[in-house]
Amino acid sequence: MKKLLLVDDNRDFLQILSIALEKDFEVYKADGLSQALKVLDTVPINAICSDFYMRDGTGLDLIKEIRCKNITLPFLLMSGNDDTRFIDIARSYDALFCCKTDDLLSKIKAL
């Protein structure tokens, strides 16, 4: 089973999303950038789904960090804001963007 890292500082959303994905992934959760980096140091993750805005950094900070370490995992950047600039930002790091109000579950399952 693929190992998915979900990163979001909204713990309620993180828990609901985790439950929705448990049948398809072994889900690991992080409530921010620093916790996500700790998980990545200890668990061989297959894909990452991260919120854009968090208290201790952004999903963009996370993707920059892992790309600097030459980690090329599938990465889905998500936000409640559907600003089209996020699409281009994600693409520039070889990642995907999805608004949380779109069909988020199917996009994560496609990672």
PDB file of N, CA and C in Angstrom:
ATOM      1  N   MET A   1       0.849  -1.182   0.000  1.00  0.00           N
ATOM      2  CA  MET A   1       0.000   0.000   0.000  1.00  0.00           C
ATOM      3  C   MET A   1       0.892   1.241   0.000  1.00  0.00           C
ATOM      4  N   LYS A   2       0.544   2.229  -0.820  1.00  0.00           N
ATOM      5  CA  LYS A   2       1.313   3.470  -0.870  1.00  0.00           C
ATOM      6  C   LYS A   2       1.191   4.240   0.436  1.00  0.00           C
ATOM      7  N   LYS A   3       2.291   4.904   0.778  1.00  0.00           N
ATOM      8  CA  LYS A   3       2.324   5.734   1.982  1.00  0.00           C
ATOM      9  C   LYS A   3       2.152   7.192   1.570  1.00  0.00           C
ATOM     10  N   LEU A   4       1.121   7.823   2.115  1.00  0.00           N
ATOM     11  CA  LEU A   4       0.767   9.201   1.789  1.00  0.00           C
ATOM     12  C   LEU A   4       0.967  10.083   3.009  1.00  0.00           C
ATOM     13  N   LEU A   5       1.641  11.200   2.806  1.00  0.00           N
ATOM     14  CA  LEU A   5       1.795  12.195   3.860  1.00  0.00           C
ATOM     15  C   LEU A   5       0.814  13.329   3.599  1.00  0.00           C
ATOM     16  N   LEU A   6      -0.098  13.545   4.545  1.00  0.00           N
ATOM     17  CA  LEU A   6      -1.046  14.661   4.489  1.00  0.00           C
ATOM     18  C   LEU A   6      -0.550  15.743   5.434  1.00  0.00           C
ATOM     19  N   VAL A   7      -0.494  16.973   4.944  1.00  0.00           N
ATOM     20  CA  VAL A   7       0.011  18.080   5.750  1.00  0.00           C
ATOM     21  C   VAL A   7      -1.004  19.221   5.726  1.00  0.00           C
ATOM     22  N   ASP A   8      -1.516  19.567   6.888  1.00  0.00           N
ATOM     23  CA  ASP A   8      -2.476  20.670   6.998  1.00  0.00           C
ATOM     24  C   ASP A   8      -2.546  21.094   8.450  1.00  0.00           C
ATOM     25  N   ASP A   9      -2.550  22.383   8.710  1.00  0.00           N
ATOM     26  CA  ASP A   9      -2.603  22.845  10.095  1.00  0.00           C
ATOM     27  C   ASP A   9      -4.030  22.876  10.646  1.00  0.00           C
ATOM     28  N   ASN A  10      -5.017  22.614   9.806  1.00  0.00           N
ATOM     29  CA  ASN A  10      -6.392  22.477  10.270  1.00  0.00           C
ATOM     30  C   ASN A  10      -6.578  21.006  10.658  1.00  0.00           C
ATOM     31  N   ARG A  11      -6.483  20.736  11.935  1.00  0.00           N
ATOM     32  CA  ARG A  11      -6.476  19.342  12.402  1.00  0.00           C
ATOM     33  C   ARG A  11      -7.794  18.618  12.115  1.00  0.00           C
ATOM     34  N   ASP A  12      -8.914  19.337  12.143  1.00  0.00           N
ATOM     35  CA  ASP A  12     -10.192  18.705  11.827  1.00  0.00           C
ATOM     36  C   ASP A  12     -10.223  18.259  10.368  1.00  0.00           C
ATOM     37  N   PHE A  13      -9.803  19.137   9.467  1.00  0.00           N
ATOM     38  CA  PHE A  13      -9.751  18.787   8.048  1.00  0.00           C
ATOM     39  C   PHE A  13      -8.776  17.639   7.821  1.00  0.00           C
ATOM     40  N   LEU A  14      -7.632  17.694   8.465  1.00  0.00           N
ATOM     41  CA  LEU A  14      -6.609  16.652   8.347  1.00  0.00           C
ATOM     42  C   LEU A  14      -7.173  15.292   8.769  1.00  0.00           C
ATOM     43  N   GLN A  15      -7.906  15.265   9.858  1.00  0.00           N
ATOM     44  CA  GLN A  15      -8.485  14.016  10.353  1.00  0.00           C
ATOM     45  C   GLN A  15      -9.549  13.479   9.390  1.00  0.00           C
ATOM     46  N   ILE A  16     -10.426  14.339   8.909  1.00  0.00           N
ATOM     47  CA  ILE A  16     -11.488  13.916   7.981  1.00  0.00           C
ATOM     48  C   ILE A  16     -10.878  13.394   6.688  1.00  0.00           C
ATOM     49  N   LEU A  17      -9.915  14.112   6.146  1.00  0.00           N
ATOM     50  CA  LEU A  17      -9.264  13.695   4.904  1.00  0.00           C
ATOM     51  C   LEU A  17      -8.529  12.373   5.104  1.00  0.00           C
ATOM     52  N   SER A  18      -7.876  12.224   6.228  1.00  0.00           N
ATOM     53  CA  SER A  18      -7.158  10.995   6.540  1.00  0.00           C
ATOM     54  C   SER A  18      -8.110   9.796   6.562  1.00  0.00           C
ATOM     55  N   ILE A  19      -9.221   9.939   7.216  1.00  0.00           N
ATOM     56  CA  ILE A  19     -10.215   8.859   7.293  1.00  0.00           C
ATOM     57  C   ILE A  19     -10.726   8.504   5.900  1.00  0.00           C
ATOM     58  N   ALA A  20     -10.957   9.514   5.074  1.00  0.00           N
ATOM     59  CA  ALA A  20     -11.466   9.283   3.718  1.00  0.00           C
ATOM     60  C   ALA A  20     -10.465   8.544   2.833  1.00  0.00           C
ATOM     61  N   LEU A  21      -9.182   8.627   3.171  1.00  0.00           N
ATOM     62  CA  LEU A  21      -8.144   8.022   2.326  1.00  0.00           C
ATOM     63  C   LEU A  21      -7.548   6.726   2.873  1.00  0.00           C
ATOM     64  N   GLU A  22      -7.949   6.328   4.069  1.00  0.00           N
ATOM     65  CA  GLU A  22      -7.350   5.157   4.721  1.00  0.00           C
ATOM     66  C   GLU A  22      -7.503   3.854   3.947  1.00  0.00           C
ATOM     67  N   LYS A  23      -8.532   3.737   3.136  1.00  0.00           N
ATOM     68  CA  LYS A  23      -8.735   2.504   2.366  1.00  0.00           C
ATOM     69  C   LYS A  23      -7.746   2.389   1.205  1.00  0.00           C
ATOM     70  N   ASP A  24      -7.247   3.528   0.738  1.00  0.00           N
ATOM     71  CA  ASP A  24      -6.375   3.546  -0.433  1.00  0.00           C
ATOM     72  C   ASP A  24      -4.901   3.763  -0.109  1.00  0.00           C
ATOM     73  N   PHE A  25      -4.609   4.307   1.073  1.00  0.00           N
ATOM     74  CA  PHE A  25      -3.240   4.652   1.441  1.00  0.00           C
ATOM     75  C   PHE A  25      -2.972   4.309   2.902  1.00  0.00           C
ATOM     76  N   GLU A  26      -1.702   4.122   3.192  1.00  0.00           N
ATOM     77  CA  GLU A  26      -1.245   4.149   4.573  1.00  0.00           C
ATOM     78  C   GLU A  26      -0.963   5.633   4.827  1.00  0.00           C
ATOM     79  N   VAL A  27      -1.789   6.260   5.641  1.00  0.00           N
ATOM     80  CA  VAL A  27      -1.769   7.713   5.778  1.00  0.00           C
ATOM     81  C   VAL A  27      -0.934   8.148   6.978  1.00  0.00           C
ATOM     82  N   TYR A  28      -0.042   9.105   6.726  1.00  0.00           N
ATOM     83  CA  TYR A  28       0.729   9.771   7.769  1.00  0.00           C
ATOM     84  C   TYR A  28       0.285  11.221   7.784  1.00  0.00           C
ATOM     85  N   LYS A  29       0.157  11.793   8.978  1.00  0.00           N
ATOM     86  CA  LYS A  29      -0.345  13.158   9.104  1.00  0.00           C
ATOM     87  C   LYS A  29       0.704  14.059   9.744  1.00  0.00           C
ATOM     88  N   ALA A  30       0.704  15.302   9.280  1.00  0.00           N
ATOM     89  CA  ALA A  30       1.550  16.334   9.882  1.00  0.00           C
ATOM     90  C   ALA A  30       0.731  17.617   9.916  1.00  0.00           C
ATOM     91  N   ASP A  31       0.836  18.352  11.034  1.00  0.00           N
ATOM     92  CA  ASP A  31       0.043  19.572  11.137  1.00  0.00           C
ATOM     93  C   ASP A  31       0.847  20.829  10.793  1.00  0.00           C
ATOM     94  N   GLY A  32       1.948  20.647  10.094  1.00  0.00           N
ATOM     95  CA  GLY A  32       2.740  21.791   9.662  1.00  0.00           C
ATOM     96  C   GLY A  32       4.033  21.359   8.998  1.00  0.00           C
ATOM     97  N   LEU A  33       4.776  22.347   8.587  1.00  0.00           N
ATOM     98  CA  LEU A  33       6.019  22.132   7.851  1.00  0.00           C
ATOM     99  C   LEU A  33       7.049  21.343   8.660  1.00  0.00           C
ATOM    100  N   SER A  34       7.307  21.760   9.884  1.00  0.00           N
ATOM    101  CA  SER A  34       8.358  21.096  10.667  1.00  0.00           C
ATOM    102  C   SER A  34       7.992  19.644  10.960  1.00  0.00           C
ATOM    103  N   GLN A  35       6.749  19.372  11.270  1.00  0.00           N
ATOM    104  CA  GLN A  35       6.338  18.000  11.537  1.00  0.00           C
ATOM    105  C   GLN A  35       6.411  17.162  10.257  1.00  0.00           C
ATOM    106  N   ALA A  36       6.066  17.742   9.114  1.00  0.00           N
ATOM    107  CA  ALA A  36       6.154  17.023   7.837  1.00  0.00           C
ATOM    108  C   ALA A  36       7.595  16.623   7.536  1.00  0.00           C
ATOM    109  N   LEU A  37       8.524  17.524   7.784  1.00  0.00           N
ATOM    110  CA  LEU A  37       9.934  17.214   7.540  1.00  0.00           C
ATOM    111  C   LEU A  37      10.427  16.090   8.448  1.00  0.00           C
ATOM    112  N   LYS A  38       9.926  16.048   9.687  1.00  0.00           N
ATOM    113  CA  LYS A  38      10.290  14.966  10.603  1.00  0.00           C
ATOM    114  C   LYS A  38       9.767  13.628  10.095  1.00  0.00           C
ATOM    115  N   VAL A  39       8.540  13.613   9.597  1.00  0.00           N
ATOM    116  CA  VAL A  39       7.982  12.375   9.052  1.00  0.00           C
ATOM    117  C   VAL A  39       8.816  11.921   7.863  1.00  0.00           C
ATOM    118  N   LEU A  40       9.160  12.857   6.987  1.00  0.00           N
ATOM    119  CA  LEU A  40       9.940  12.515   5.789  1.00  0.00           C
ATOM    120  C   LEU A  40      11.329  11.973   6.140  1.00  0.00           C
ATOM    121  N   ASP A  41      11.861  12.375   7.281  1.00  0.00           N
ATOM    122  CA  ASP A  41      13.170  11.870   7.723  1.00  0.00           C
ATOM    123  C   ASP A  41      13.096  10.447   8.269  1.00  0.00           C
ATOM    124  N   THR A  42      11.884  10.001   8.635  1.00  0.00           N
ATOM    125  CA  THR A  42      11.774   8.702   9.292  1.00  0.00           C
ATOM    126  C   THR A  42      10.955   7.658   8.533  1.00  0.00           C
ATOM    127  N   VAL A  43      10.107   8.095   7.594  1.00  0.00           N
ATOM    128  CA  VAL A  43       9.210   7.163   6.902  1.00  0.00           C
ATOM    129  C   VAL A  43       9.406   7.298   5.387  1.00  0.00           C
ATOM    130  N   PRO A  44       9.536   6.186   4.669  1.00  0.00           N
ATOM    131  CA  PRO A  44       9.641   6.252   3.203  1.00  0.00           C
ATOM    132  C   PRO A  44       8.259   6.524   2.579  1.00  0.00           C
ATOM    133  N   ILE A  45       7.977   7.778   2.334  1.00  0.00           N
ATOM    134  CA  ILE A  45       6.678   8.237   1.806  1.00  0.00           C
ATOM    135  C   ILE A  45       6.660   8.091   0.283  1.00  0.00           C
ATOM    136  N   ASN A  46       5.482   7.776  -0.284  1.00  0.00           N
ATOM    137  CA  ASN A  46       5.327   7.652  -1.732  1.00  0.00           C
ATOM    138  C   ASN A  46       4.713   8.875  -2.390  1.00  0.00           C
ATOM    139  N   ALA A  47       3.960   9.686  -1.621  1.00  0.00           N
ATOM    140  CA  ALA A  47       3.319  10.886  -2.173  1.00  0.00           C
ATOM    141  C   ALA A  47       2.981  11.842  -1.032  1.00  0.00           C
ATOM    142  N   ILE A  48       2.884  13.125  -1.380  1.00  0.00           N
ATOM    143  CA  ILE A  48       2.589  14.162  -0.390  1.00  0.00           C
ATOM    144  C   ILE A  48       1.424  15.010  -0.882  1.00  0.00           C
ATOM    145  N   CYS A  49       0.532  15.316   0.030  1.00  0.00           N
ATOM    146  CA  CYS A  49      -0.560  16.255  -0.221  1.00  0.00           C
ATOM    147  C   CYS A  49      -0.480  17.301   0.888  1.00  0.00           C
ATOM    148  N   SER A  50      -0.192  18.539   0.503  1.00  0.00           N
ATOM    149  CA  SER A  50       0.036  19.570   1.512  1.00  0.00           C
ATOM    150  C   SER A  50      -0.808  20.807   1.260  1.00  0.00           C
ATOM    151  N   ASP A  51      -1.315  21.358   2.342  1.00  0.00           N
ATOM    152  CA  ASP A  51      -1.993  22.647   2.287  1.00  0.00           C
ATOM    153  C   ASP A  51      -0.975  23.713   1.899  1.00  0.00           C
ATOM    154  N   PHE A  52      -1.449  24.790   1.294  1.00  0.00           N
ATOM    155  CA  PHE A  52      -0.533  25.868   0.924  1.00  0.00           C
ATOM    156  C   PHE A  52      -0.173  26.701   2.153  1.00  0.00           C
ATOM    157  N   TYR A  53      -1.162  27.266   2.822  1.00  0.00           N
ATOM    158  CA  TYR A  53      -0.894  28.151   3.963  1.00  0.00           C
ATOM    159  C   TYR A  53      -1.010  27.388   5.277  1.00  0.00           C
ATOM    160  N   MET A  54       0.071  27.443   6.072  1.00  0.00           N
ATOM    161  CA  MET A  54       0.073  26.832   7.403  1.00  0.00           C
ATOM    162  C   MET A  54       0.757  27.794   8.368  1.00  0.00           C
ATOM    163  N   ARG A  55       0.624  27.522   9.645  1.00  0.00           N
ATOM    164  CA  ARG A  55       1.177  28.431  10.655  1.00  0.00           C
ATOM    165  C   ARG A  55       2.704  28.533  10.613  1.00  0.00           C
ATOM    166  N   ASP A  56       3.383  27.425  10.346  1.00  0.00           N
ATOM    167  CA  ASP A  56       4.850  27.436  10.425  1.00  0.00           C
ATOM    168  C   ASP A  56       5.528  27.402   9.055  1.00  0.00           C
ATOM    169  N   GLY A  57       4.812  27.757   8.023  1.00  0.00           N
ATOM    170  CA  GLY A  57       5.381  27.775   6.675  1.00  0.00           C
ATOM    171  C   GLY A  57       4.294  27.457   5.659  1.00  0.00           C
ATOM    172  N   THR A  58       4.709  27.233   4.447  1.00  0.00           N
ATOM    173  CA  THR A  58       3.746  26.947   3.391  1.00  0.00           C
ATOM    174  C   THR A  58       4.056  25.600   2.740  1.00  0.00           C
ATOM    175  N   GLY A  59       3.087  25.108   2.014  1.00  0.00           N
ATOM    176  CA  GLY A  59       3.321  23.913   1.216  1.00  0.00           C
ATOM    177  C   GLY A  59       4.408  24.152   0.195  1.00  0.00           C
ATOM    178  N   LEU A  60       4.511  25.387  -0.267  1.00  0.00           N
ATOM    179  CA  LEU A  60       5.577  25.751  -1.201  1.00  0.00           C
ATOM    180  C   LEU A  60       6.944  25.620  -0.530  1.00  0.00           C
ATOM    181  N   ASP A  61       7.042  26.017   0.733  1.00  0.00           N
ATOM    182  CA  ASP A  61       8.292  25.825   1.478  1.00  0.00           C
ATOM    183  C   ASP A  61       8.641  24.341   1.566  1.00  0.00           C
ATOM    184  N   LEU A  62       7.625  23.522   1.780  1.00  0.00           N
ATOM    185  CA  LEU A  62       7.846  22.080   1.887  1.00  0.00           C
ATOM    186  C   LEU A  62       8.334  21.502   0.566  1.00  0.00           C
ATOM    187  N   ILE A  63       7.696  21.868  -0.506  1.00  0.00           N
ATOM    188  CA  ILE A  63       8.119  21.313  -1.793  1.00  0.00           C
ATOM    189  C   ILE A  63       9.512  21.804  -2.177  1.00  0.00           C
ATOM    190  N   LYS A  64       9.827  23.050  -1.869  1.00  0.00           N
ATOM    191  CA  LYS A  64      11.180  23.551  -2.138  1.00  0.00           C
ATOM    192  C   LYS A  64      12.210  22.738  -1.356  1.00  0.00           C
ATOM    193  N   GLU A  65      11.904  22.476  -0.091  1.00  0.00           N
ATOM    194  CA  GLU A  65      12.811  21.724   0.774  1.00  0.00           C
ATOM    195  C   GLU A  65      13.051  20.313   0.239  1.00  0.00           C
ATOM    196  N   ILE A  66      11.986  19.626  -0.130  1.00  0.00           N
ATOM    197  CA  ILE A  66      12.186  18.249  -0.585  1.00  0.00           C
ATOM    198  C   ILE A  66      12.833  18.201  -1.966  1.00  0.00           C
ATOM    199  N   ARG A  67      12.543  19.171  -2.825  1.00  0.00           N
ATOM    200  CA  ARG A  67      13.186  19.191  -4.145  1.00  0.00           C
ATOM    201  C   ARG A  67      14.675  19.500  -4.006  1.00  0.00           C
ATOM    202  N   CYS A  68      15.056  20.338  -3.032  1.00  0.00           N
ATOM    203  CA  CYS A  68      16.480  20.610  -2.774  1.00  0.00           C
ATOM    204  C   CYS A  68      17.213  19.350  -2.309  1.00  0.00           C
ATOM    205  N   LYS A  69      16.485  18.430  -1.681  1.00  0.00           N
ATOM    206  CA  LYS A  69      17.066  17.167  -1.240  1.00  0.00           C
ATOM    207  C   LYS A  69      16.968  16.097  -2.330  1.00  0.00           C
ATOM    208  N   ASN A  70      16.580  16.526  -3.539  1.00  0.00           N
ATOM    209  CA  ASN A  70      16.415  15.614  -4.690  1.00  0.00           C
ATOM    210  C   ASN A  70      15.364  14.541  -4.451  1.00  0.00           C
ATOM    211  N   ILE A  71      14.341  14.876  -3.690  1.00  0.00           N
ATOM    212  CA  ILE A  71      13.209  13.978  -3.487  1.00  0.00           C
ATOM    213  C   ILE A  71      12.160  14.330  -4.539  1.00  0.00           C
ATOM    214  N   THR A  72      11.823  13.359  -5.367  1.00  0.00           N
ATOM    215  CA  THR A  72      10.921  13.632  -6.489  1.00  0.00           C
ATOM    216  C   THR A  72       9.580  12.914  -6.343  1.00  0.00           C
ATOM    217  N   LEU A  73       9.043  12.915  -5.160  1.00  0.00           N
ATOM    218  CA  LEU A  73       7.744  12.299  -4.912  1.00  0.00           C
ATOM    219  C   LEU A  73       6.628  13.067  -5.601  1.00  0.00           C
ATOM    220  N   PRO A  74       5.539  12.377  -5.972  1.00  0.00           N
ATOM    221  CA  PRO A  74       4.355  13.105  -6.423  1.00  0.00           C
ATOM    222  C   PRO A  74       3.891  14.036  -5.303  1.00  0.00           C
ATOM    223  N   PHE A  75       3.532  15.247  -5.671  1.00  0.00           N
ATOM    224  CA  PHE A  75       3.193  16.276  -4.683  1.00  0.00           C
ATOM    225  C   PHE A  75       1.940  17.003  -5.145  1.00  0.00           C
ATOM    226  N   LEU A  76       0.944  17.054  -4.274  1.00  0.00           N
ATOM    227  CA  LEU A  76      -0.280  17.803  -4.549  1.00  0.00           C
ATOM    228  C   LEU A  76      -0.359  18.951  -3.562  1.00  0.00           C
ATOM    229  N   LEU A  77      -0.349  20.154  -4.079  1.00  0.00           N
ATOM    230  CA  LEU A  77      -0.470  21.361  -3.275  1.00  0.00           C
ATOM    231  C   LEU A  77      -1.942  21.735  -3.271  1.00  0.00           C
ATOM    232  N   MET A  78      -2.535  21.934  -2.103  1.00  0.00           N
ATOM    233  CA  MET A  78      -3.959  22.252  -2.036  1.00  0.00           C
ATOM    234  C   MET A  78      -4.191  23.527  -1.246  1.00  0.00           C
ATOM    235  N   SER A  79      -5.319  24.158  -1.535  1.00  0.00           N
ATOM    236  CA  SER A  79      -5.684  25.373  -0.830  1.00  0.00           C
ATOM    237  C   SER A  79      -7.193  25.567  -0.917  1.00  0.00           C
ATOM    238  N   GLY A  80      -7.734  26.248   0.055  1.00  0.00           N
ATOM    239  CA  GLY A  80      -9.139  26.636  -0.006  1.00  0.00           C
ATOM    240  C   GLY A  80      -9.342  27.793  -0.973  1.00  0.00           C
ATOM    241  N   ASN A  81      -8.255  28.417  -1.351  1.00  0.00           N
ATOM    242  CA  ASN A  81      -8.259  29.534  -2.301  1.00  0.00           C
ATOM    243  C   ASN A  81      -7.996  28.978  -3.695  1.00  0.00           C
ATOM    244  N   ASP A  82      -8.852  29.278  -4.648  1.00  0.00           N
ATOM    245  CA  ASP A  82      -8.665  28.734  -5.994  1.00  0.00           C
ATOM    246  C   ASP A  82      -7.919  29.695  -6.925  1.00  0.00           C
ATOM    247  N   ASP A  83      -7.022  30.475  -6.376  1.00  0.00           N
ATOM    248  CA  ASP A  83      -6.211  31.416  -7.153  1.00  0.00           C
ATOM    249  C   ASP A  83      -5.432  30.650  -8.227  1.00  0.00           C
ATOM    250  N   THR A  84      -5.595  31.018  -9.470  1.00  0.00           N
ATOM    251  CA  THR A  84      -4.958  30.301 -10.575  1.00  0.00           C
ATOM    252  C   THR A  84      -3.430  30.414 -10.545  1.00  0.00           C
ATOM    253  N   ARG A  85      -2.885  31.361  -9.812  1.00  0.00           N
ATOM    254  CA  ARG A  85      -1.425  31.457  -9.685  1.00  0.00           C
ATOM    255  C   ARG A  85      -0.836  30.220  -9.026  1.00  0.00           C
ATOM    256  N   PHE A  86      -1.624  29.586  -8.152  1.00  0.00           N
ATOM    257  CA  PHE A  86      -1.147  28.376  -7.472  1.00  0.00           C
ATOM    258  C   PHE A  86      -0.874  27.252  -8.465  1.00  0.00           C
ATOM    259  N   ILE A  87      -1.639  27.200  -9.551  1.00  0.00           N
ATOM    260  CA  ILE A  87      -1.437  26.171 -10.573  1.00  0.00           C
ATOM    261  C   ILE A  87      -0.042  26.312 -11.169  1.00  0.00           C
ATOM    262  N   ASP A  88       0.309  27.538 -11.553  1.00  0.00           N
ATOM    263  CA  ASP A  88       1.627  27.782 -12.142  1.00  0.00           C
ATOM    264  C   ASP A  88       2.753  27.560 -11.142  1.00  0.00           C
ATOM    265  N   ILE A  89       2.533  27.974  -9.900  1.00  0.00           N
ATOM    266  CA  ILE A  89       3.546  27.767  -8.863  1.00  0.00           C
ATOM    267  C   ILE A  89       3.803  26.273  -8.679  1.00  0.00           C
ATOM    268  N   ALA A  90       2.737  25.499  -8.563  1.00  0.00           N
ATOM    269  CA  ALA A  90       2.890  24.054  -8.379  1.00  0.00           C
ATOM    270  C   ALA A  90       3.610  23.436  -9.576  1.00  0.00           C
ATOM    271  N   ARG A  91       3.220  23.800 -10.779  1.00  0.00           N
ATOM    272  CA  ARG A  91       3.856  23.252 -11.980  1.00  0.00           C
ATOM    273  C   ARG A  91       5.349  23.551 -12.023  1.00  0.00           C
ATOM    274  N   SER A  92       5.732  24.723 -11.544  1.00  0.00           N
ATOM    275  CA  SER A  92       7.147  25.086 -11.596  1.00  0.00           C
ATOM    276  C   SER A  92       8.004  24.165 -10.713  1.00  0.00           C
ATOM    277  N   TYR A  93       7.371  23.451  -9.785  1.00  0.00           N
ATOM    278  CA  TYR A  93       8.071  22.486  -8.932  1.00  0.00           C
ATOM    279  C   TYR A  93       7.659  21.052  -9.263  1.00  0.00           C
ATOM    280  N   ASP A  94       7.123  20.855 -10.457  1.00  0.00           N
ATOM    281  CA  ASP A  94       6.692  19.534 -10.913  1.00  0.00           C
ATOM    282  C   ASP A  94       5.676  18.931  -9.943  1.00  0.00           C
ATOM    283  N   ALA A  95       4.718  19.751  -9.539  1.00  0.00           N
ATOM    284  CA  ALA A  95       3.665  19.329  -8.629  1.00  0.00           C
ATOM    285  C   ALA A  95       2.314  19.703  -9.230  1.00  0.00           C
ATOM    286  N   LEU A  96       1.260  19.234  -8.595  1.00  0.00           N
ATOM    287  CA  LEU A  96      -0.100  19.560  -9.011  1.00  0.00           C
ATOM    288  C   LEU A  96      -0.731  20.478  -7.983  1.00  0.00           C
ATOM    289  N   PHE A  97      -1.742  21.211  -8.403  1.00  0.00           N
ATOM    290  CA  PHE A  97      -2.505  22.049  -7.481  1.00  0.00           C
ATOM    291  C   PHE A  97      -3.965  21.657  -7.558  1.00  0.00           C
ATOM    292  N   CYS A  98      -4.623  21.676  -6.409  1.00  0.00           N
ATOM    293  CA  CYS A  98      -6.053  21.410  -6.367  1.00  0.00           C
ATOM    294  C   CYS A  98      -6.683  22.286  -5.293  1.00  0.00           C
ATOM    295  N   CYS A  99      -7.776  22.935  -5.654  1.00  0.00           N
ATOM    296  CA  CYS A  99      -8.552  23.672  -4.667  1.00  0.00           C
ATOM    297  C   CYS A  99      -9.284  22.652  -3.797  1.00  0.00           C
ATOM    298  N   LYS A 100      -9.369  22.900  -2.510  1.00  0.00           N
ATOM    299  CA  LYS A 100     -10.017  21.957  -1.604  1.00  0.00           C
ATOM    300  C   LYS A 100     -11.491  21.757  -1.934  1.00  0.00           C
ATOM    301  N   THR A 101     -12.084  22.683  -2.648  1.00  0.00           N
ATOM    302  CA  THR A 101     -13.500  22.547  -3.000  1.00  0.00           C
ATOM    303  C   THR A 101     -13.698  21.758  -4.286  1.00  0.00           C
ATOM    304  N   ASP A 102     -12.616  21.463  -5.015  1.00  0.00           N
ATOM    305  CA  ASP A 102     -12.702  20.636  -6.218  1.00  0.00           C
ATOM    306  C   ASP A 102     -12.766  19.166  -5.819  1.00  0.00           C
ATOM    307  N   ASP A 103     -12.627  18.291  -6.767  1.00  0.00           N
ATOM    308  CA  ASP A 103     -12.675  16.858  -6.506  1.00  0.00           C
ATOM    309  C   ASP A 103     -11.337  16.402  -5.909  1.00  0.00           C
ATOM    310  N   LEU A 104     -11.079  16.835  -4.700  1.00  0.00           N
ATOM    311  CA  LEU A 104      -9.794  16.614  -4.032  1.00  0.00           C
ATOM    312  C   LEU A 104      -9.466  15.134  -3.857  1.00  0.00           C
ATOM    313  N   LEU A 105     -10.419  14.346  -3.414  1.00  0.00           N
ATOM    314  CA  LEU A 105     -10.139  12.931  -3.161  1.00  0.00           C
ATOM    315  C   LEU A 105      -9.677  12.200  -4.405  1.00  0.00           C
ATOM    316  N   SER A 106     -10.323  12.429  -5.535  1.00  0.00           N
ATOM    317  CA  SER A 106      -9.906  11.721  -6.760  1.00  0.00           C
ATOM    318  C   SER A 106      -8.524  12.166  -7.215  1.00  0.00           C
ATOM    319  N   LYS A 107      -8.187  13.433  -6.996  1.00  0.00           N
ATOM    320  CA  LYS A 107      -6.857  13.908  -7.375  1.00  0.00           C
ATOM    321  C   LYS A 107      -5.779  13.315  -6.475  1.00  0.00           C
ATOM    322  N   ILE A 108      -6.077  13.155  -5.200  1.00  0.00           N
ATOM    323  CA  ILE A 108      -5.107  12.533  -4.302  1.00  0.00           C
ATOM    324  C   ILE A 108      -4.941  11.063  -4.652  1.00  0.00           C
ATOM    325  N   LYS A 109      -6.039  10.376  -4.915  1.00  0.00           N
ATOM    326  CA  LYS A 109      -5.969   8.955  -5.245  1.00  0.00           C
ATOM    327  C   LYS A 109      -5.209   8.699  -6.542  1.00  0.00           C
ATOM    328  N   ALA A 110      -5.136   9.703  -7.398  1.00  0.00           N
ATOM    329  CA  ALA A 110      -4.409   9.563  -8.675  1.00  0.00           C
ATOM    330  C   ALA A 110      -2.909   9.773  -8.523  1.00  0.00           C
ATOM    331  N   LEU A 111      -2.454  10.199  -7.351  1.00  0.00           N
ATOM    332  CA  LEU A 111      -1.014  10.456  -7.137  1.00  0.00           C
ATOM    333  C   LEU A 111      -0.205   9.186  -7.309  1.00  0.00           C
TER     334      LEU A 111
END
